[in-house]
N, C-alpha and C. Protein backbone atom coordinates (compact mmCIF):
# COMPACT_ATOMS: atom_id res chain seq x y z
N MET A 1 0.83 -1.19 0.00
CA MET A 1 0.00 0.00 0.00
C MET A 1 0.87 1.25 0.00
N ARG A 2 0.38 2.28 -0.64
CA ARG A 2 1.07 3.57 -0.68
C ARG A 2 0.24 4.57 0.11
N VAL A 3 0.83 5.12 1.15
CA VAL A 3 0.07 5.95 2.08
C VAL A 3 0.47 7.42 1.96
N GLY A 4 -0.53 8.28 2.00
CA GLY A 4 -0.31 9.71 2.02
C GLY A 4 -0.78 10.29 3.34
N MET A 5 0.11 10.96 4.05
CA MET A 5 -0.25 11.60 5.31
C MET A 5 -0.37 13.10 5.09
N ILE A 6 -1.47 13.67 5.55
CA ILE A 6 -1.74 15.09 5.34
C ILE A 6 -1.77 15.79 6.69
N ALA A 7 -0.84 16.73 6.88
CA ALA A 7 -0.78 17.52 8.11
C ALA A 7 -1.00 18.98 7.76
N ALA A 8 -1.15 19.82 8.77
CA ALA A 8 -1.33 21.24 8.53
C ALA A 8 0.01 21.97 8.46
N LEU A 9 0.83 21.78 9.49
CA LEU A 9 2.07 22.54 9.62
C LEU A 9 3.29 21.62 9.64
N PRO A 10 4.42 22.08 9.08
CA PRO A 10 5.62 21.25 9.05
C PRO A 10 6.07 20.74 10.42
N ARG A 11 5.87 21.52 11.47
CA ARG A 11 6.33 21.09 12.80
C ARG A 11 5.59 19.84 13.28
N GLU A 12 4.40 19.58 12.74
CA GLU A 12 3.65 18.41 13.17
C GLU A 12 4.27 17.11 12.66
N VAL A 13 5.01 17.19 11.57
CA VAL A 13 5.58 15.99 10.97
C VAL A 13 7.11 16.05 10.86
N GLY A 14 7.71 17.12 11.35
CA GLY A 14 9.15 17.29 11.22
C GLY A 14 9.98 16.10 11.68
N PRO A 15 9.76 15.60 12.90
CA PRO A 15 10.55 14.44 13.36
C PRO A 15 10.30 13.19 12.52
N LEU A 16 9.08 13.02 12.02
CA LEU A 16 8.75 11.84 11.23
C LEU A 16 9.50 11.80 9.92
N VAL A 17 9.62 12.96 9.26
CA VAL A 17 10.16 12.99 7.90
C VAL A 17 11.64 13.33 7.86
N LYS A 18 12.29 13.31 9.00
CA LYS A 18 13.73 13.60 9.02
C LYS A 18 14.47 12.60 8.15
N GLY A 19 15.23 13.12 7.19
CA GLY A 19 15.99 12.26 6.29
C GLY A 19 15.24 11.88 5.02
N TRP A 20 13.96 12.24 4.91
CA TRP A 20 13.19 11.94 3.70
C TRP A 20 13.56 12.93 2.59
N GLU A 21 13.22 12.59 1.36
CA GLU A 21 13.38 13.53 0.26
C GLU A 21 12.35 14.64 0.41
N ALA A 22 12.81 15.88 0.43
CA ALA A 22 11.93 17.01 0.72
C ALA A 22 11.84 17.96 -0.46
N ARG A 23 10.64 18.51 -0.65
CA ARG A 23 10.43 19.53 -1.66
C ARG A 23 9.53 20.62 -1.08
N GLU A 24 9.90 21.87 -1.34
CA GLU A 24 9.04 23.00 -0.98
C GLU A 24 8.50 23.61 -2.26
N LEU A 25 7.19 23.57 -2.42
CA LEU A 25 6.55 24.09 -3.61
C LEU A 25 6.08 25.52 -3.39
N ARG A 26 5.71 26.18 -4.45
CA ARG A 26 5.22 27.54 -4.33
C ARG A 26 3.92 27.56 -3.53
N GLY A 27 3.72 28.64 -2.80
CA GLY A 27 2.50 28.78 -2.05
C GLY A 27 2.53 28.15 -0.67
N GLY A 28 3.71 27.88 -0.15
CA GLY A 28 3.80 27.32 1.20
C GLY A 28 3.38 25.86 1.30
N ILE A 29 3.69 25.08 0.26
CA ILE A 29 3.34 23.66 0.24
C ILE A 29 4.63 22.85 0.43
N TYR A 30 4.59 21.89 1.34
CA TYR A 30 5.75 21.06 1.62
C TYR A 30 5.39 19.60 1.38
N VAL A 31 6.30 18.88 0.72
CA VAL A 31 6.07 17.47 0.39
C VAL A 31 7.34 16.68 0.71
N TRP A 32 7.16 15.56 1.39
CA TRP A 32 8.27 14.65 1.70
C TRP A 32 7.91 13.25 1.22
N THR A 33 8.86 12.55 0.63
CA THR A 33 8.61 11.19 0.17
C THR A 33 9.71 10.25 0.67
N SER A 34 9.30 9.01 0.94
CA SER A 34 10.23 7.96 1.34
C SER A 34 9.61 6.62 0.97
N GLY A 35 10.16 5.97 -0.03
CA GLY A 35 9.62 4.67 -0.44
C GLY A 35 8.18 4.79 -0.89
N ASP A 36 7.29 4.08 -0.19
CA ASP A 36 5.89 4.06 -0.58
C ASP A 36 5.04 4.97 0.30
N ALA A 37 5.65 6.03 0.84
CA ALA A 37 4.92 6.96 1.69
C ALA A 37 5.21 8.40 1.27
N VAL A 38 4.19 9.25 1.39
CA VAL A 38 4.34 10.67 1.11
C VAL A 38 3.64 11.44 2.22
N VAL A 39 4.25 12.53 2.64
CA VAL A 39 3.68 13.42 3.64
C VAL A 39 3.62 14.81 3.03
N ALA A 40 2.47 15.47 3.21
CA ALA A 40 2.31 16.82 2.65
C ALA A 40 1.61 17.72 3.64
N CYS A 41 1.98 18.99 3.63
CA CYS A 41 1.25 19.98 4.42
C CYS A 41 1.26 21.30 3.68
N ALA A 42 0.16 22.05 3.84
CA ALA A 42 0.03 23.32 3.14
C ALA A 42 -0.61 24.39 4.01
N GLY A 43 -0.78 24.11 5.31
CA GLY A 43 -1.37 25.09 6.20
C GLY A 43 -2.63 24.59 6.87
N MET A 44 -3.16 25.41 7.76
CA MET A 44 -4.34 25.04 8.53
C MET A 44 -5.62 25.31 7.75
N GLY A 45 -6.65 24.48 8.03
CA GLY A 45 -7.95 24.70 7.43
C GLY A 45 -8.25 23.80 6.26
N ALA A 46 -9.53 23.74 5.91
CA ALA A 46 -10.00 22.82 4.88
C ALA A 46 -9.41 23.10 3.51
N GLU A 47 -9.39 24.35 3.10
CA GLU A 47 -8.87 24.69 1.77
C GLU A 47 -7.41 24.31 1.63
N ARG A 48 -6.64 24.57 2.65
CA ARG A 48 -5.22 24.23 2.59
C ARG A 48 -5.01 22.73 2.66
N ALA A 49 -5.87 22.03 3.39
CA ALA A 49 -5.78 20.56 3.43
C ALA A 49 -6.03 19.98 2.04
N GLU A 50 -6.98 20.54 1.32
CA GLU A 50 -7.26 20.07 -0.04
C GLU A 50 -6.04 20.27 -0.94
N ILE A 51 -5.37 21.39 -0.78
CA ILE A 51 -4.16 21.66 -1.56
C ILE A 51 -3.08 20.62 -1.23
N ALA A 52 -2.93 20.31 0.05
CA ALA A 52 -1.93 19.33 0.47
C ALA A 52 -2.25 17.95 -0.09
N VAL A 53 -3.53 17.58 -0.10
CA VAL A 53 -3.93 16.28 -0.67
C VAL A 53 -3.55 16.22 -2.14
N ARG A 54 -3.84 17.26 -2.88
CA ARG A 54 -3.50 17.27 -4.31
C ARG A 54 -1.99 17.15 -4.51
N ALA A 55 -1.21 17.84 -3.67
CA ALA A 55 0.25 17.76 -3.79
C ALA A 55 0.75 16.36 -3.49
N ALA A 56 0.16 15.71 -2.49
CA ALA A 56 0.57 14.35 -2.15
C ALA A 56 0.24 13.39 -3.28
N MET A 57 -0.94 13.53 -3.87
CA MET A 57 -1.36 12.61 -4.93
C MET A 57 -0.59 12.84 -6.22
N GLU A 58 -0.12 14.05 -6.42
CA GLU A 58 0.74 14.31 -7.58
C GLU A 58 2.13 13.72 -7.37
N ALA A 59 2.57 13.67 -6.13
CA ALA A 59 3.89 13.11 -5.84
C ALA A 59 3.90 11.59 -5.92
N MET A 60 2.73 10.96 -5.62
CA MET A 60 2.68 9.50 -5.55
C MET A 60 1.22 9.05 -5.67
N PRO A 61 0.94 8.00 -6.43
CA PRO A 61 -0.43 7.46 -6.52
C PRO A 61 -0.77 6.65 -5.27
N VAL A 62 -1.30 7.32 -4.26
CA VAL A 62 -1.54 6.69 -2.97
C VAL A 62 -2.80 5.83 -2.98
N THR A 63 -2.84 4.88 -2.06
CA THR A 63 -4.03 4.04 -1.88
C THR A 63 -4.76 4.36 -0.59
N ALA A 64 -4.14 5.18 0.28
CA ALA A 64 -4.77 5.56 1.54
C ALA A 64 -4.37 6.99 1.88
N LEU A 65 -5.31 7.75 2.45
CA LEU A 65 -5.05 9.09 2.93
C LEU A 65 -5.28 9.15 4.43
N LEU A 66 -4.31 9.70 5.14
CA LEU A 66 -4.42 9.86 6.59
C LEU A 66 -4.34 11.33 6.94
N SER A 67 -5.31 11.81 7.69
CA SER A 67 -5.25 13.16 8.24
C SER A 67 -4.56 13.07 9.59
N VAL A 68 -3.41 13.72 9.73
CA VAL A 68 -2.61 13.58 10.94
C VAL A 68 -2.28 14.96 11.50
N GLY A 69 -1.98 15.01 12.79
CA GLY A 69 -1.58 16.27 13.40
C GLY A 69 -2.10 16.41 14.81
N LEU A 70 -2.20 17.66 15.26
CA LEU A 70 -2.65 17.96 16.61
C LEU A 70 -4.13 18.29 16.62
N ALA A 71 -4.77 18.08 17.76
CA ALA A 71 -6.19 18.36 17.91
C ALA A 71 -6.48 18.80 19.33
N GLY A 72 -7.62 19.47 19.49
CA GLY A 72 -8.07 19.87 20.82
C GLY A 72 -9.05 18.87 21.37
N ALA A 73 -9.05 18.68 22.67
CA ALA A 73 -9.97 17.75 23.31
C ALA A 73 -11.32 18.42 23.56
N CYS A 74 -12.40 17.73 23.20
CA CYS A 74 -13.75 18.14 23.59
C CYS A 74 -14.23 17.28 24.75
N ASP A 75 -13.75 16.06 24.82
CA ASP A 75 -14.05 15.15 25.93
C ASP A 75 -13.15 15.52 27.11
N PRO A 76 -13.73 15.90 28.24
CA PRO A 76 -12.91 16.29 29.39
C PRO A 76 -11.98 15.18 29.89
N ALA A 77 -12.24 13.94 29.50
CA ALA A 77 -11.41 12.84 29.97
C ALA A 77 -10.11 12.71 29.19
N LEU A 78 -10.03 13.32 28.02
CA LEU A 78 -8.83 13.21 27.20
C LEU A 78 -7.73 14.11 27.74
N ARG A 79 -6.51 13.58 27.74
CA ARG A 79 -5.37 14.31 28.27
C ARG A 79 -4.34 14.60 27.17
N VAL A 80 -3.52 15.59 27.43
CA VAL A 80 -2.46 15.96 26.49
C VAL A 80 -1.59 14.75 26.18
N GLY A 81 -1.33 14.54 24.89
CA GLY A 81 -0.49 13.44 24.45
C GLY A 81 -1.24 12.18 24.09
N GLU A 82 -2.54 12.11 24.42
CA GLU A 82 -3.32 10.94 24.03
C GLU A 82 -3.57 10.96 22.52
N ILE A 83 -3.59 9.78 21.93
CA ILE A 83 -3.81 9.63 20.49
C ILE A 83 -5.28 9.31 20.21
N VAL A 84 -5.86 10.06 19.30
CA VAL A 84 -7.24 9.85 18.89
C VAL A 84 -7.23 9.26 17.47
N ARG A 85 -7.71 8.04 17.35
CA ARG A 85 -7.90 7.42 16.03
C ARG A 85 -9.40 7.44 15.76
N ALA A 86 -9.82 8.36 14.93
CA ALA A 86 -11.24 8.65 14.78
C ALA A 86 -12.00 7.52 14.11
N GLY A 87 -13.14 7.18 14.70
CA GLY A 87 -14.06 6.25 14.06
C GLY A 87 -15.06 6.98 13.20
N LEU A 88 -15.28 8.26 13.51
CA LEU A 88 -16.21 9.09 12.75
C LEU A 88 -15.65 10.51 12.70
N VAL A 89 -15.64 11.08 11.50
CA VAL A 89 -15.26 12.47 11.30
C VAL A 89 -16.48 13.24 10.84
N ILE A 90 -16.78 14.34 11.50
CA ILE A 90 -17.92 15.18 11.14
C ILE A 90 -17.41 16.56 10.74
N ASP A 91 -17.83 17.01 9.57
CA ASP A 91 -17.50 18.36 9.13
C ASP A 91 -18.58 19.29 9.68
N ALA A 92 -18.22 20.14 10.64
CA ALA A 92 -19.21 21.00 11.29
C ALA A 92 -19.81 22.02 10.33
N LYS A 93 -19.07 22.39 9.29
CA LYS A 93 -19.56 23.39 8.34
C LYS A 93 -20.63 22.82 7.43
N THR A 94 -20.43 21.59 6.95
CA THR A 94 -21.36 21.01 5.98
C THR A 94 -22.30 19.98 6.58
N GLY A 95 -21.95 19.46 7.76
CA GLY A 95 -22.73 18.40 8.38
C GLY A 95 -22.40 17.02 7.86
N GLU A 96 -21.46 16.91 6.93
CA GLU A 96 -21.09 15.61 6.37
C GLU A 96 -20.44 14.74 7.44
N ARG A 97 -20.68 13.43 7.30
CA ARG A 97 -20.11 12.46 8.23
C ARG A 97 -19.31 11.44 7.44
N PHE A 98 -18.13 11.15 7.91
CA PHE A 98 -17.23 10.22 7.23
C PHE A 98 -16.78 9.16 8.22
N GLU A 99 -17.02 7.91 7.86
CA GLU A 99 -16.62 6.81 8.72
C GLU A 99 -15.12 6.56 8.57
N GLY A 100 -14.47 6.29 9.70
CA GLY A 100 -13.07 5.91 9.67
C GLY A 100 -12.94 4.43 9.35
N SER A 101 -11.75 3.91 9.49
CA SER A 101 -11.51 2.50 9.16
C SER A 101 -11.93 1.56 10.29
N ALA A 102 -12.26 2.12 11.46
CA ALA A 102 -12.67 1.29 12.59
C ALA A 102 -13.52 2.13 13.52
N SER A 103 -14.24 1.47 14.43
CA SER A 103 -15.01 2.21 15.41
C SER A 103 -14.07 2.95 16.33
N GLY A 104 -14.51 4.10 16.79
CA GLY A 104 -13.63 4.87 17.65
C GLY A 104 -14.21 6.22 17.96
N PRO A 105 -13.40 7.15 18.45
CA PRO A 105 -13.87 8.47 18.87
C PRO A 105 -14.43 9.30 17.71
N VAL A 106 -15.17 10.35 18.08
CA VAL A 106 -15.72 11.29 17.12
C VAL A 106 -14.80 12.50 17.03
N LEU A 107 -14.35 12.79 15.83
CA LEU A 107 -13.52 13.96 15.57
C LEU A 107 -14.32 14.93 14.72
N VAL A 108 -14.49 16.16 15.19
CA VAL A 108 -15.23 17.18 14.45
C VAL A 108 -14.24 18.17 13.85
N THR A 109 -14.45 18.50 12.60
CA THR A 109 -13.61 19.49 11.92
C THR A 109 -14.32 20.84 11.93
N GLY A 110 -13.66 21.83 12.52
CA GLY A 110 -14.18 23.19 12.54
C GLY A 110 -13.38 24.09 11.63
N ASN A 111 -13.70 25.38 11.63
CA ASN A 111 -13.02 26.29 10.71
C ASN A 111 -12.08 27.27 11.41
N ALA A 112 -11.84 27.06 12.70
CA ALA A 112 -10.93 27.93 13.44
C ALA A 112 -10.42 27.18 14.67
N ILE A 113 -9.39 27.74 15.31
CA ILE A 113 -8.89 27.16 16.55
C ILE A 113 -9.99 27.29 17.60
N ALA A 114 -10.40 26.18 18.18
CA ALA A 114 -11.57 26.16 19.05
C ALA A 114 -11.26 26.66 20.46
N SER A 115 -12.15 27.51 20.98
CA SER A 115 -12.06 27.98 22.35
C SER A 115 -12.65 26.93 23.29
N VAL A 116 -12.54 27.16 24.59
CA VAL A 116 -13.14 26.26 25.56
C VAL A 116 -14.65 26.18 25.35
N ALA A 117 -15.28 27.32 25.12
CA ALA A 117 -16.73 27.34 24.91
C ALA A 117 -17.11 26.59 23.64
N GLU A 118 -16.33 26.75 22.60
CA GLU A 118 -16.62 26.06 21.34
C GLU A 118 -16.43 24.56 21.47
N LYS A 119 -15.41 24.15 22.21
CA LYS A 119 -15.20 22.71 22.42
C LYS A 119 -16.36 22.11 23.20
N ALA A 120 -16.86 22.84 24.18
CA ALA A 120 -18.01 22.35 24.95
C ALA A 120 -19.25 22.25 24.07
N TRP A 121 -19.44 23.22 23.18
CA TRP A 121 -20.59 23.20 22.27
C TRP A 121 -20.51 22.01 21.32
N LEU A 122 -19.33 21.75 20.79
CA LEU A 122 -19.15 20.61 19.88
C LEU A 122 -19.40 19.29 20.60
N ARG A 123 -19.02 19.24 21.86
CA ARG A 123 -19.27 18.04 22.67
C ARG A 123 -20.77 17.82 22.83
N ALA A 124 -21.51 18.90 23.10
CA ALA A 124 -22.95 18.79 23.30
C ALA A 124 -23.68 18.53 21.99
N MET A 125 -23.22 19.15 20.90
CA MET A 125 -23.91 19.05 19.62
C MET A 125 -23.64 17.74 18.90
N TYR A 126 -22.40 17.30 18.90
CA TYR A 126 -21.99 16.14 18.09
C TYR A 126 -21.45 14.98 18.92
N GLN A 127 -21.42 15.11 20.24
CA GLN A 127 -20.75 14.14 21.08
C GLN A 127 -19.28 14.02 20.68
N ALA A 128 -18.71 15.16 20.31
CA ALA A 128 -17.33 15.18 19.84
C ALA A 128 -16.36 14.82 20.95
N ASP A 129 -15.36 14.03 20.57
CA ASP A 129 -14.26 13.74 21.48
C ASP A 129 -13.11 14.71 21.26
N ALA A 130 -12.93 15.15 20.01
CA ALA A 130 -11.82 16.05 19.68
C ALA A 130 -12.21 16.91 18.49
N VAL A 131 -11.46 17.99 18.30
CA VAL A 131 -11.72 18.92 17.21
C VAL A 131 -10.43 19.27 16.50
N ASP A 132 -10.49 19.34 15.16
CA ASP A 132 -9.35 19.78 14.36
C ASP A 132 -9.87 20.72 13.27
N MET A 133 -9.04 21.01 12.26
CA MET A 133 -9.46 21.92 11.19
C MET A 133 -9.29 21.34 9.79
N GLU A 134 -8.85 20.07 9.68
CA GLU A 134 -8.54 19.54 8.35
C GLU A 134 -9.14 18.19 8.01
N ALA A 135 -9.46 17.36 8.98
CA ALA A 135 -9.81 15.97 8.70
C ALA A 135 -11.02 15.82 7.78
N GLY A 136 -12.02 16.68 7.94
CA GLY A 136 -13.20 16.60 7.09
C GLY A 136 -12.86 16.75 5.61
N ALA A 137 -11.99 17.69 5.29
CA ALA A 137 -11.60 17.91 3.89
C ALA A 137 -10.82 16.72 3.34
N VAL A 138 -9.92 16.16 4.15
CA VAL A 138 -9.15 15.00 3.71
C VAL A 138 -10.07 13.80 3.49
N ALA A 139 -11.01 13.61 4.40
CA ALA A 139 -11.96 12.51 4.28
C ALA A 139 -12.81 12.64 3.01
N ARG A 140 -13.24 13.86 2.71
CA ARG A 140 -14.07 14.09 1.52
C ARG A 140 -13.32 13.72 0.25
N LEU A 141 -12.05 14.09 0.17
CA LEU A 141 -11.27 13.78 -1.02
C LEU A 141 -10.94 12.29 -1.09
N ALA A 142 -10.69 11.67 0.06
CA ALA A 142 -10.44 10.23 0.07
C ALA A 142 -11.67 9.50 -0.47
N GLN A 143 -12.84 9.90 -0.02
CA GLN A 143 -14.08 9.28 -0.48
C GLN A 143 -14.27 9.50 -1.98
N ALA A 144 -13.99 10.69 -2.46
CA ALA A 144 -14.17 11.01 -3.87
C ALA A 144 -13.27 10.18 -4.77
N HIS A 145 -12.09 9.82 -4.27
CA HIS A 145 -11.13 9.06 -5.06
C HIS A 145 -11.13 7.58 -4.72
N GLY A 146 -12.03 7.14 -3.87
CA GLY A 146 -12.11 5.72 -3.52
C GLY A 146 -10.93 5.22 -2.72
N LEU A 147 -10.39 6.07 -1.86
CA LEU A 147 -9.20 5.71 -1.09
C LEU A 147 -9.57 5.41 0.36
N GLU A 148 -8.79 4.56 0.99
CA GLU A 148 -8.94 4.34 2.42
C GLU A 148 -8.67 5.64 3.15
N PHE A 149 -9.39 5.88 4.23
CA PHE A 149 -9.19 7.11 5.01
C PHE A 149 -9.06 6.79 6.49
N ARG A 150 -8.15 7.48 7.14
CA ARG A 150 -8.02 7.40 8.59
C ARG A 150 -7.63 8.78 9.11
N ALA A 151 -8.02 9.08 10.34
CA ALA A 151 -7.61 10.32 11.00
C ALA A 151 -6.94 9.96 12.32
N ILE A 152 -5.71 10.43 12.49
CA ILE A 152 -4.92 10.12 13.68
C ILE A 152 -4.40 11.43 14.24
N LYS A 153 -4.87 11.78 15.42
CA LYS A 153 -4.53 13.07 16.01
C LYS A 153 -3.99 12.90 17.42
N ALA A 154 -3.11 13.80 17.82
CA ALA A 154 -2.61 13.83 19.20
C ALA A 154 -3.20 15.04 19.90
N ILE A 155 -3.69 14.86 21.10
CA ILE A 155 -4.29 15.95 21.86
C ILE A 155 -3.21 16.90 22.37
N SER A 156 -3.34 18.17 21.96
CA SER A 156 -2.37 19.18 22.40
C SER A 156 -2.97 20.15 23.41
N ASP A 157 -4.30 20.24 23.47
CA ASP A 157 -4.94 21.10 24.47
C ASP A 157 -6.19 20.40 24.99
N GLU A 158 -6.32 20.38 26.29
CA GLU A 158 -7.43 19.68 26.91
C GLU A 158 -8.71 20.53 26.83
N ALA A 159 -9.83 19.93 27.21
CA ALA A 159 -11.13 20.58 27.01
C ALA A 159 -11.26 21.91 27.74
N ASP A 160 -10.55 22.07 28.85
CA ASP A 160 -10.67 23.29 29.63
C ASP A 160 -9.49 24.24 29.46
N PHE A 161 -8.72 24.04 28.38
CA PHE A 161 -7.53 24.88 28.17
C PHE A 161 -7.63 25.66 26.87
N GLU A 162 -7.30 26.94 26.93
CA GLU A 162 -7.15 27.74 25.72
C GLU A 162 -6.24 28.92 26.01
N VAL A 163 -5.62 29.41 24.96
CA VAL A 163 -4.90 30.67 25.02
C VAL A 163 -5.73 31.65 24.20
N GLU A 164 -6.31 32.63 24.83
CA GLU A 164 -7.23 33.52 24.17
C GLU A 164 -6.60 34.25 22.99
N GLY A 165 -7.35 34.34 21.90
CA GLY A 165 -6.93 35.14 20.77
C GLY A 165 -6.00 34.45 19.79
N LEU A 166 -5.78 33.14 19.92
CA LEU A 166 -4.85 32.46 19.01
C LEU A 166 -5.29 32.59 17.55
N SER A 167 -6.59 32.54 17.31
CA SER A 167 -7.10 32.54 15.92
C SER A 167 -6.70 33.78 15.16
N ARG A 168 -6.50 34.91 15.87
CA ARG A 168 -6.17 36.15 15.17
C ARG A 168 -4.79 36.10 14.52
N PHE A 169 -3.98 35.10 14.91
CA PHE A 169 -2.64 34.99 14.34
C PHE A 169 -2.57 33.97 13.20
N SER A 170 -3.73 33.46 12.79
CA SER A 170 -3.81 32.58 11.62
C SER A 170 -3.96 33.43 10.37
N THR A 171 -3.23 33.08 9.33
CA THR A 171 -3.30 33.85 8.09
C THR A 171 -4.27 33.21 7.11
N ALA A 172 -4.59 33.94 6.05
CA ALA A 172 -5.53 33.45 5.05
C ALA A 172 -5.02 32.20 4.35
N ASP A 173 -3.70 32.02 4.28
CA ASP A 173 -3.15 30.83 3.62
C ASP A 173 -2.81 29.73 4.63
N GLY A 174 -3.43 29.78 5.81
CA GLY A 174 -3.32 28.68 6.75
C GLY A 174 -2.07 28.62 7.59
N ARG A 175 -1.31 29.68 7.62
CA ARG A 175 -0.10 29.69 8.45
C ARG A 175 -0.40 30.31 9.82
N PHE A 176 0.51 30.08 10.74
CA PHE A 176 0.39 30.68 12.06
C PHE A 176 1.56 31.63 12.25
N ARG A 177 1.26 32.89 12.56
CA ARG A 177 2.30 33.92 12.69
C ARG A 177 2.94 33.81 14.08
N GLU A 178 3.90 32.90 14.16
CA GLU A 178 4.52 32.61 15.45
C GLU A 178 5.24 33.82 16.02
N GLY A 179 5.94 34.56 15.17
CA GLY A 179 6.67 35.74 15.64
C GLY A 179 5.74 36.79 16.21
N ALA A 180 4.64 37.05 15.51
CA ALA A 180 3.68 38.05 15.97
C ALA A 180 3.03 37.61 17.27
N PHE A 181 2.72 36.31 17.37
CA PHE A 181 2.12 35.82 18.61
C PHE A 181 3.12 35.92 19.76
N ALA A 182 4.37 35.59 19.51
CA ALA A 182 5.39 35.66 20.57
C ALA A 182 5.54 37.08 21.09
N LEU A 183 5.53 38.05 20.17
CA LEU A 183 5.63 39.46 20.59
C LEU A 183 4.39 39.86 21.38
N HIS A 184 3.22 39.46 20.90
CA HIS A 184 1.96 39.76 21.59
C HIS A 184 1.99 39.22 23.02
N ALA A 185 2.43 37.97 23.17
CA ALA A 185 2.45 37.35 24.49
C ALA A 185 3.52 37.98 25.38
N ALA A 186 4.67 38.33 24.80
CA ALA A 186 5.76 38.89 25.59
C ALA A 186 5.37 40.20 26.26
N LEU A 187 4.46 40.94 25.64
CA LEU A 187 4.03 42.22 26.18
C LEU A 187 2.89 42.09 27.19
N ARG A 188 2.46 40.85 27.45
CA ARG A 188 1.33 40.61 28.35
C ARG A 188 1.71 39.55 29.38
N PRO A 189 2.32 39.96 30.48
CA PRO A 189 2.78 39.00 31.51
C PRO A 189 1.71 38.04 31.99
N ALA A 190 0.46 38.46 31.96
CA ALA A 190 -0.62 37.58 32.41
C ALA A 190 -0.74 36.34 31.55
N MET A 191 -0.22 36.39 30.32
CA MET A 191 -0.31 35.26 29.41
C MET A 191 0.84 34.28 29.56
N TRP A 192 1.91 34.66 30.23
CA TRP A 192 3.13 33.88 30.20
C TRP A 192 2.94 32.45 30.68
N GLY A 193 2.19 32.28 31.75
CA GLY A 193 1.98 30.94 32.28
C GLY A 193 1.29 30.03 31.28
N LYS A 194 0.24 30.56 30.64
CA LYS A 194 -0.49 29.75 29.66
C LYS A 194 0.37 29.46 28.43
N VAL A 195 1.17 30.43 28.01
CA VAL A 195 2.02 30.22 26.84
C VAL A 195 3.06 29.15 27.12
N ILE A 196 3.64 29.16 28.31
CA ILE A 196 4.60 28.13 28.69
C ILE A 196 3.93 26.76 28.69
N THR A 197 2.72 26.71 29.25
CA THR A 197 1.98 25.44 29.26
C THR A 197 1.66 24.99 27.84
N LEU A 198 1.28 25.92 26.99
CA LEU A 198 0.99 25.59 25.59
C LEU A 198 2.19 24.96 24.91
N GLY A 199 3.36 25.55 25.10
CA GLY A 199 4.57 25.00 24.50
C GLY A 199 4.90 23.62 25.02
N ARG A 200 4.76 23.45 26.34
CA ARG A 200 5.04 22.15 26.94
C ARG A 200 4.05 21.10 26.43
N ASN A 201 2.78 21.45 26.36
CA ASN A 201 1.76 20.52 25.88
C ASN A 201 1.98 20.14 24.42
N SER A 202 2.32 21.13 23.60
CA SER A 202 2.55 20.86 22.18
C SER A 202 3.71 19.91 21.98
N SER A 203 4.79 20.12 22.74
CA SER A 203 5.95 19.23 22.62
C SER A 203 5.60 17.80 23.01
N ARG A 204 4.83 17.66 24.08
CA ARG A 204 4.41 16.33 24.51
C ARG A 204 3.53 15.66 23.46
N ALA A 205 2.60 16.44 22.91
CA ALA A 205 1.69 15.89 21.90
C ALA A 205 2.44 15.51 20.63
N LEU A 206 3.40 16.33 20.22
CA LEU A 206 4.16 16.02 19.01
C LEU A 206 5.01 14.77 19.18
N GLY A 207 5.55 14.56 20.37
CA GLY A 207 6.30 13.34 20.62
C GLY A 207 5.42 12.11 20.50
N ALA A 208 4.22 12.19 21.07
CA ALA A 208 3.29 11.06 20.99
C ALA A 208 2.83 10.83 19.56
N LEU A 209 2.59 11.93 18.83
CA LEU A 209 2.15 11.81 17.44
C LEU A 209 3.22 11.15 16.58
N THR A 210 4.46 11.56 16.75
CA THR A 210 5.55 10.98 15.96
C THR A 210 5.65 9.48 16.19
N GLU A 211 5.56 9.07 17.45
CA GLU A 211 5.63 7.64 17.76
C GLU A 211 4.46 6.88 17.11
N ALA A 212 3.27 7.46 17.18
CA ALA A 212 2.10 6.81 16.59
C ALA A 212 2.21 6.70 15.08
N LEU A 213 2.73 7.74 14.43
CA LEU A 213 2.82 7.72 12.97
C LEU A 213 3.90 6.76 12.48
N HIS A 214 4.99 6.64 13.24
CA HIS A 214 5.99 5.62 12.89
C HIS A 214 5.34 4.24 12.92
N GLY A 215 4.50 4.00 13.92
CA GLY A 215 3.79 2.73 14.00
C GLY A 215 2.85 2.52 12.84
N GLU A 216 2.16 3.57 12.41
CA GLU A 216 1.25 3.47 11.27
C GLU A 216 2.02 3.13 9.99
N LEU A 217 3.14 3.79 9.79
CA LEU A 217 3.94 3.51 8.59
C LEU A 217 4.43 2.07 8.59
N ASP A 218 4.86 1.59 9.73
CA ASP A 218 5.32 0.21 9.82
C ASP A 218 4.17 -0.75 9.46
N TRP A 219 2.98 -0.44 9.95
CA TRP A 219 1.81 -1.30 9.67
C TRP A 219 1.49 -1.32 8.19
N TYR A 220 1.50 -0.16 7.55
CA TYR A 220 1.19 -0.11 6.12
C TYR A 220 2.26 -0.82 5.30
N ARG A 221 3.50 -0.66 5.68
CA ARG A 221 4.59 -1.26 4.90
C ARG A 221 4.63 -2.77 5.03
N LYS A 222 4.09 -3.28 6.14
CA LYS A 222 4.02 -4.73 6.30
C LYS A 222 2.78 -5.33 5.67
N GLY A 223 1.77 -4.44 5.39
CA GLY A 223 0.48 -4.92 4.87
C GLY A 223 0.51 -5.28 3.40
């Protein structure tokens, strides 16, 4: 099987693709290939996920598409670093539902970084376990092309955690203005504790995600 993994940002897959053949395309699109696997990212959100899928499929004729990366917890029981392998993906914008390859948690795709209130609403509305911004788009394209689909996410923020105003640092092309956010936070001492926690949580989640994705690649390559 030839697997395509679709992430939002390069940092989500950086450790996984170390040593792979890398290409940076115009428009902030990154593609890595190694044997029968391709990883692509083009930014946050549905439109950018669609661009990443097209880039991956142009690089290699894949038989499976995986939406991978970080997600927020809607289920209060989920902790930072836990892996969510979605059994159902729901696109909150369109209402579409996409079955995963096995029974499991509900992952809802939204159109922005979810606040604590939004995560609670998604939990009440959809029985969501987690929320991301790309899986629905990847699932839609997988279905359109008759490909296997899976969504594998690592929890980076728990249901009761948020850093206010993060969405304002997202750009139209799906990037996150890290420098602008760092300056914004540096000038607001009240934010420092949450920003430190955010960084620690993200690092923990990325470590768990990398380990999980290595396992997925091993499974596909043996299949």
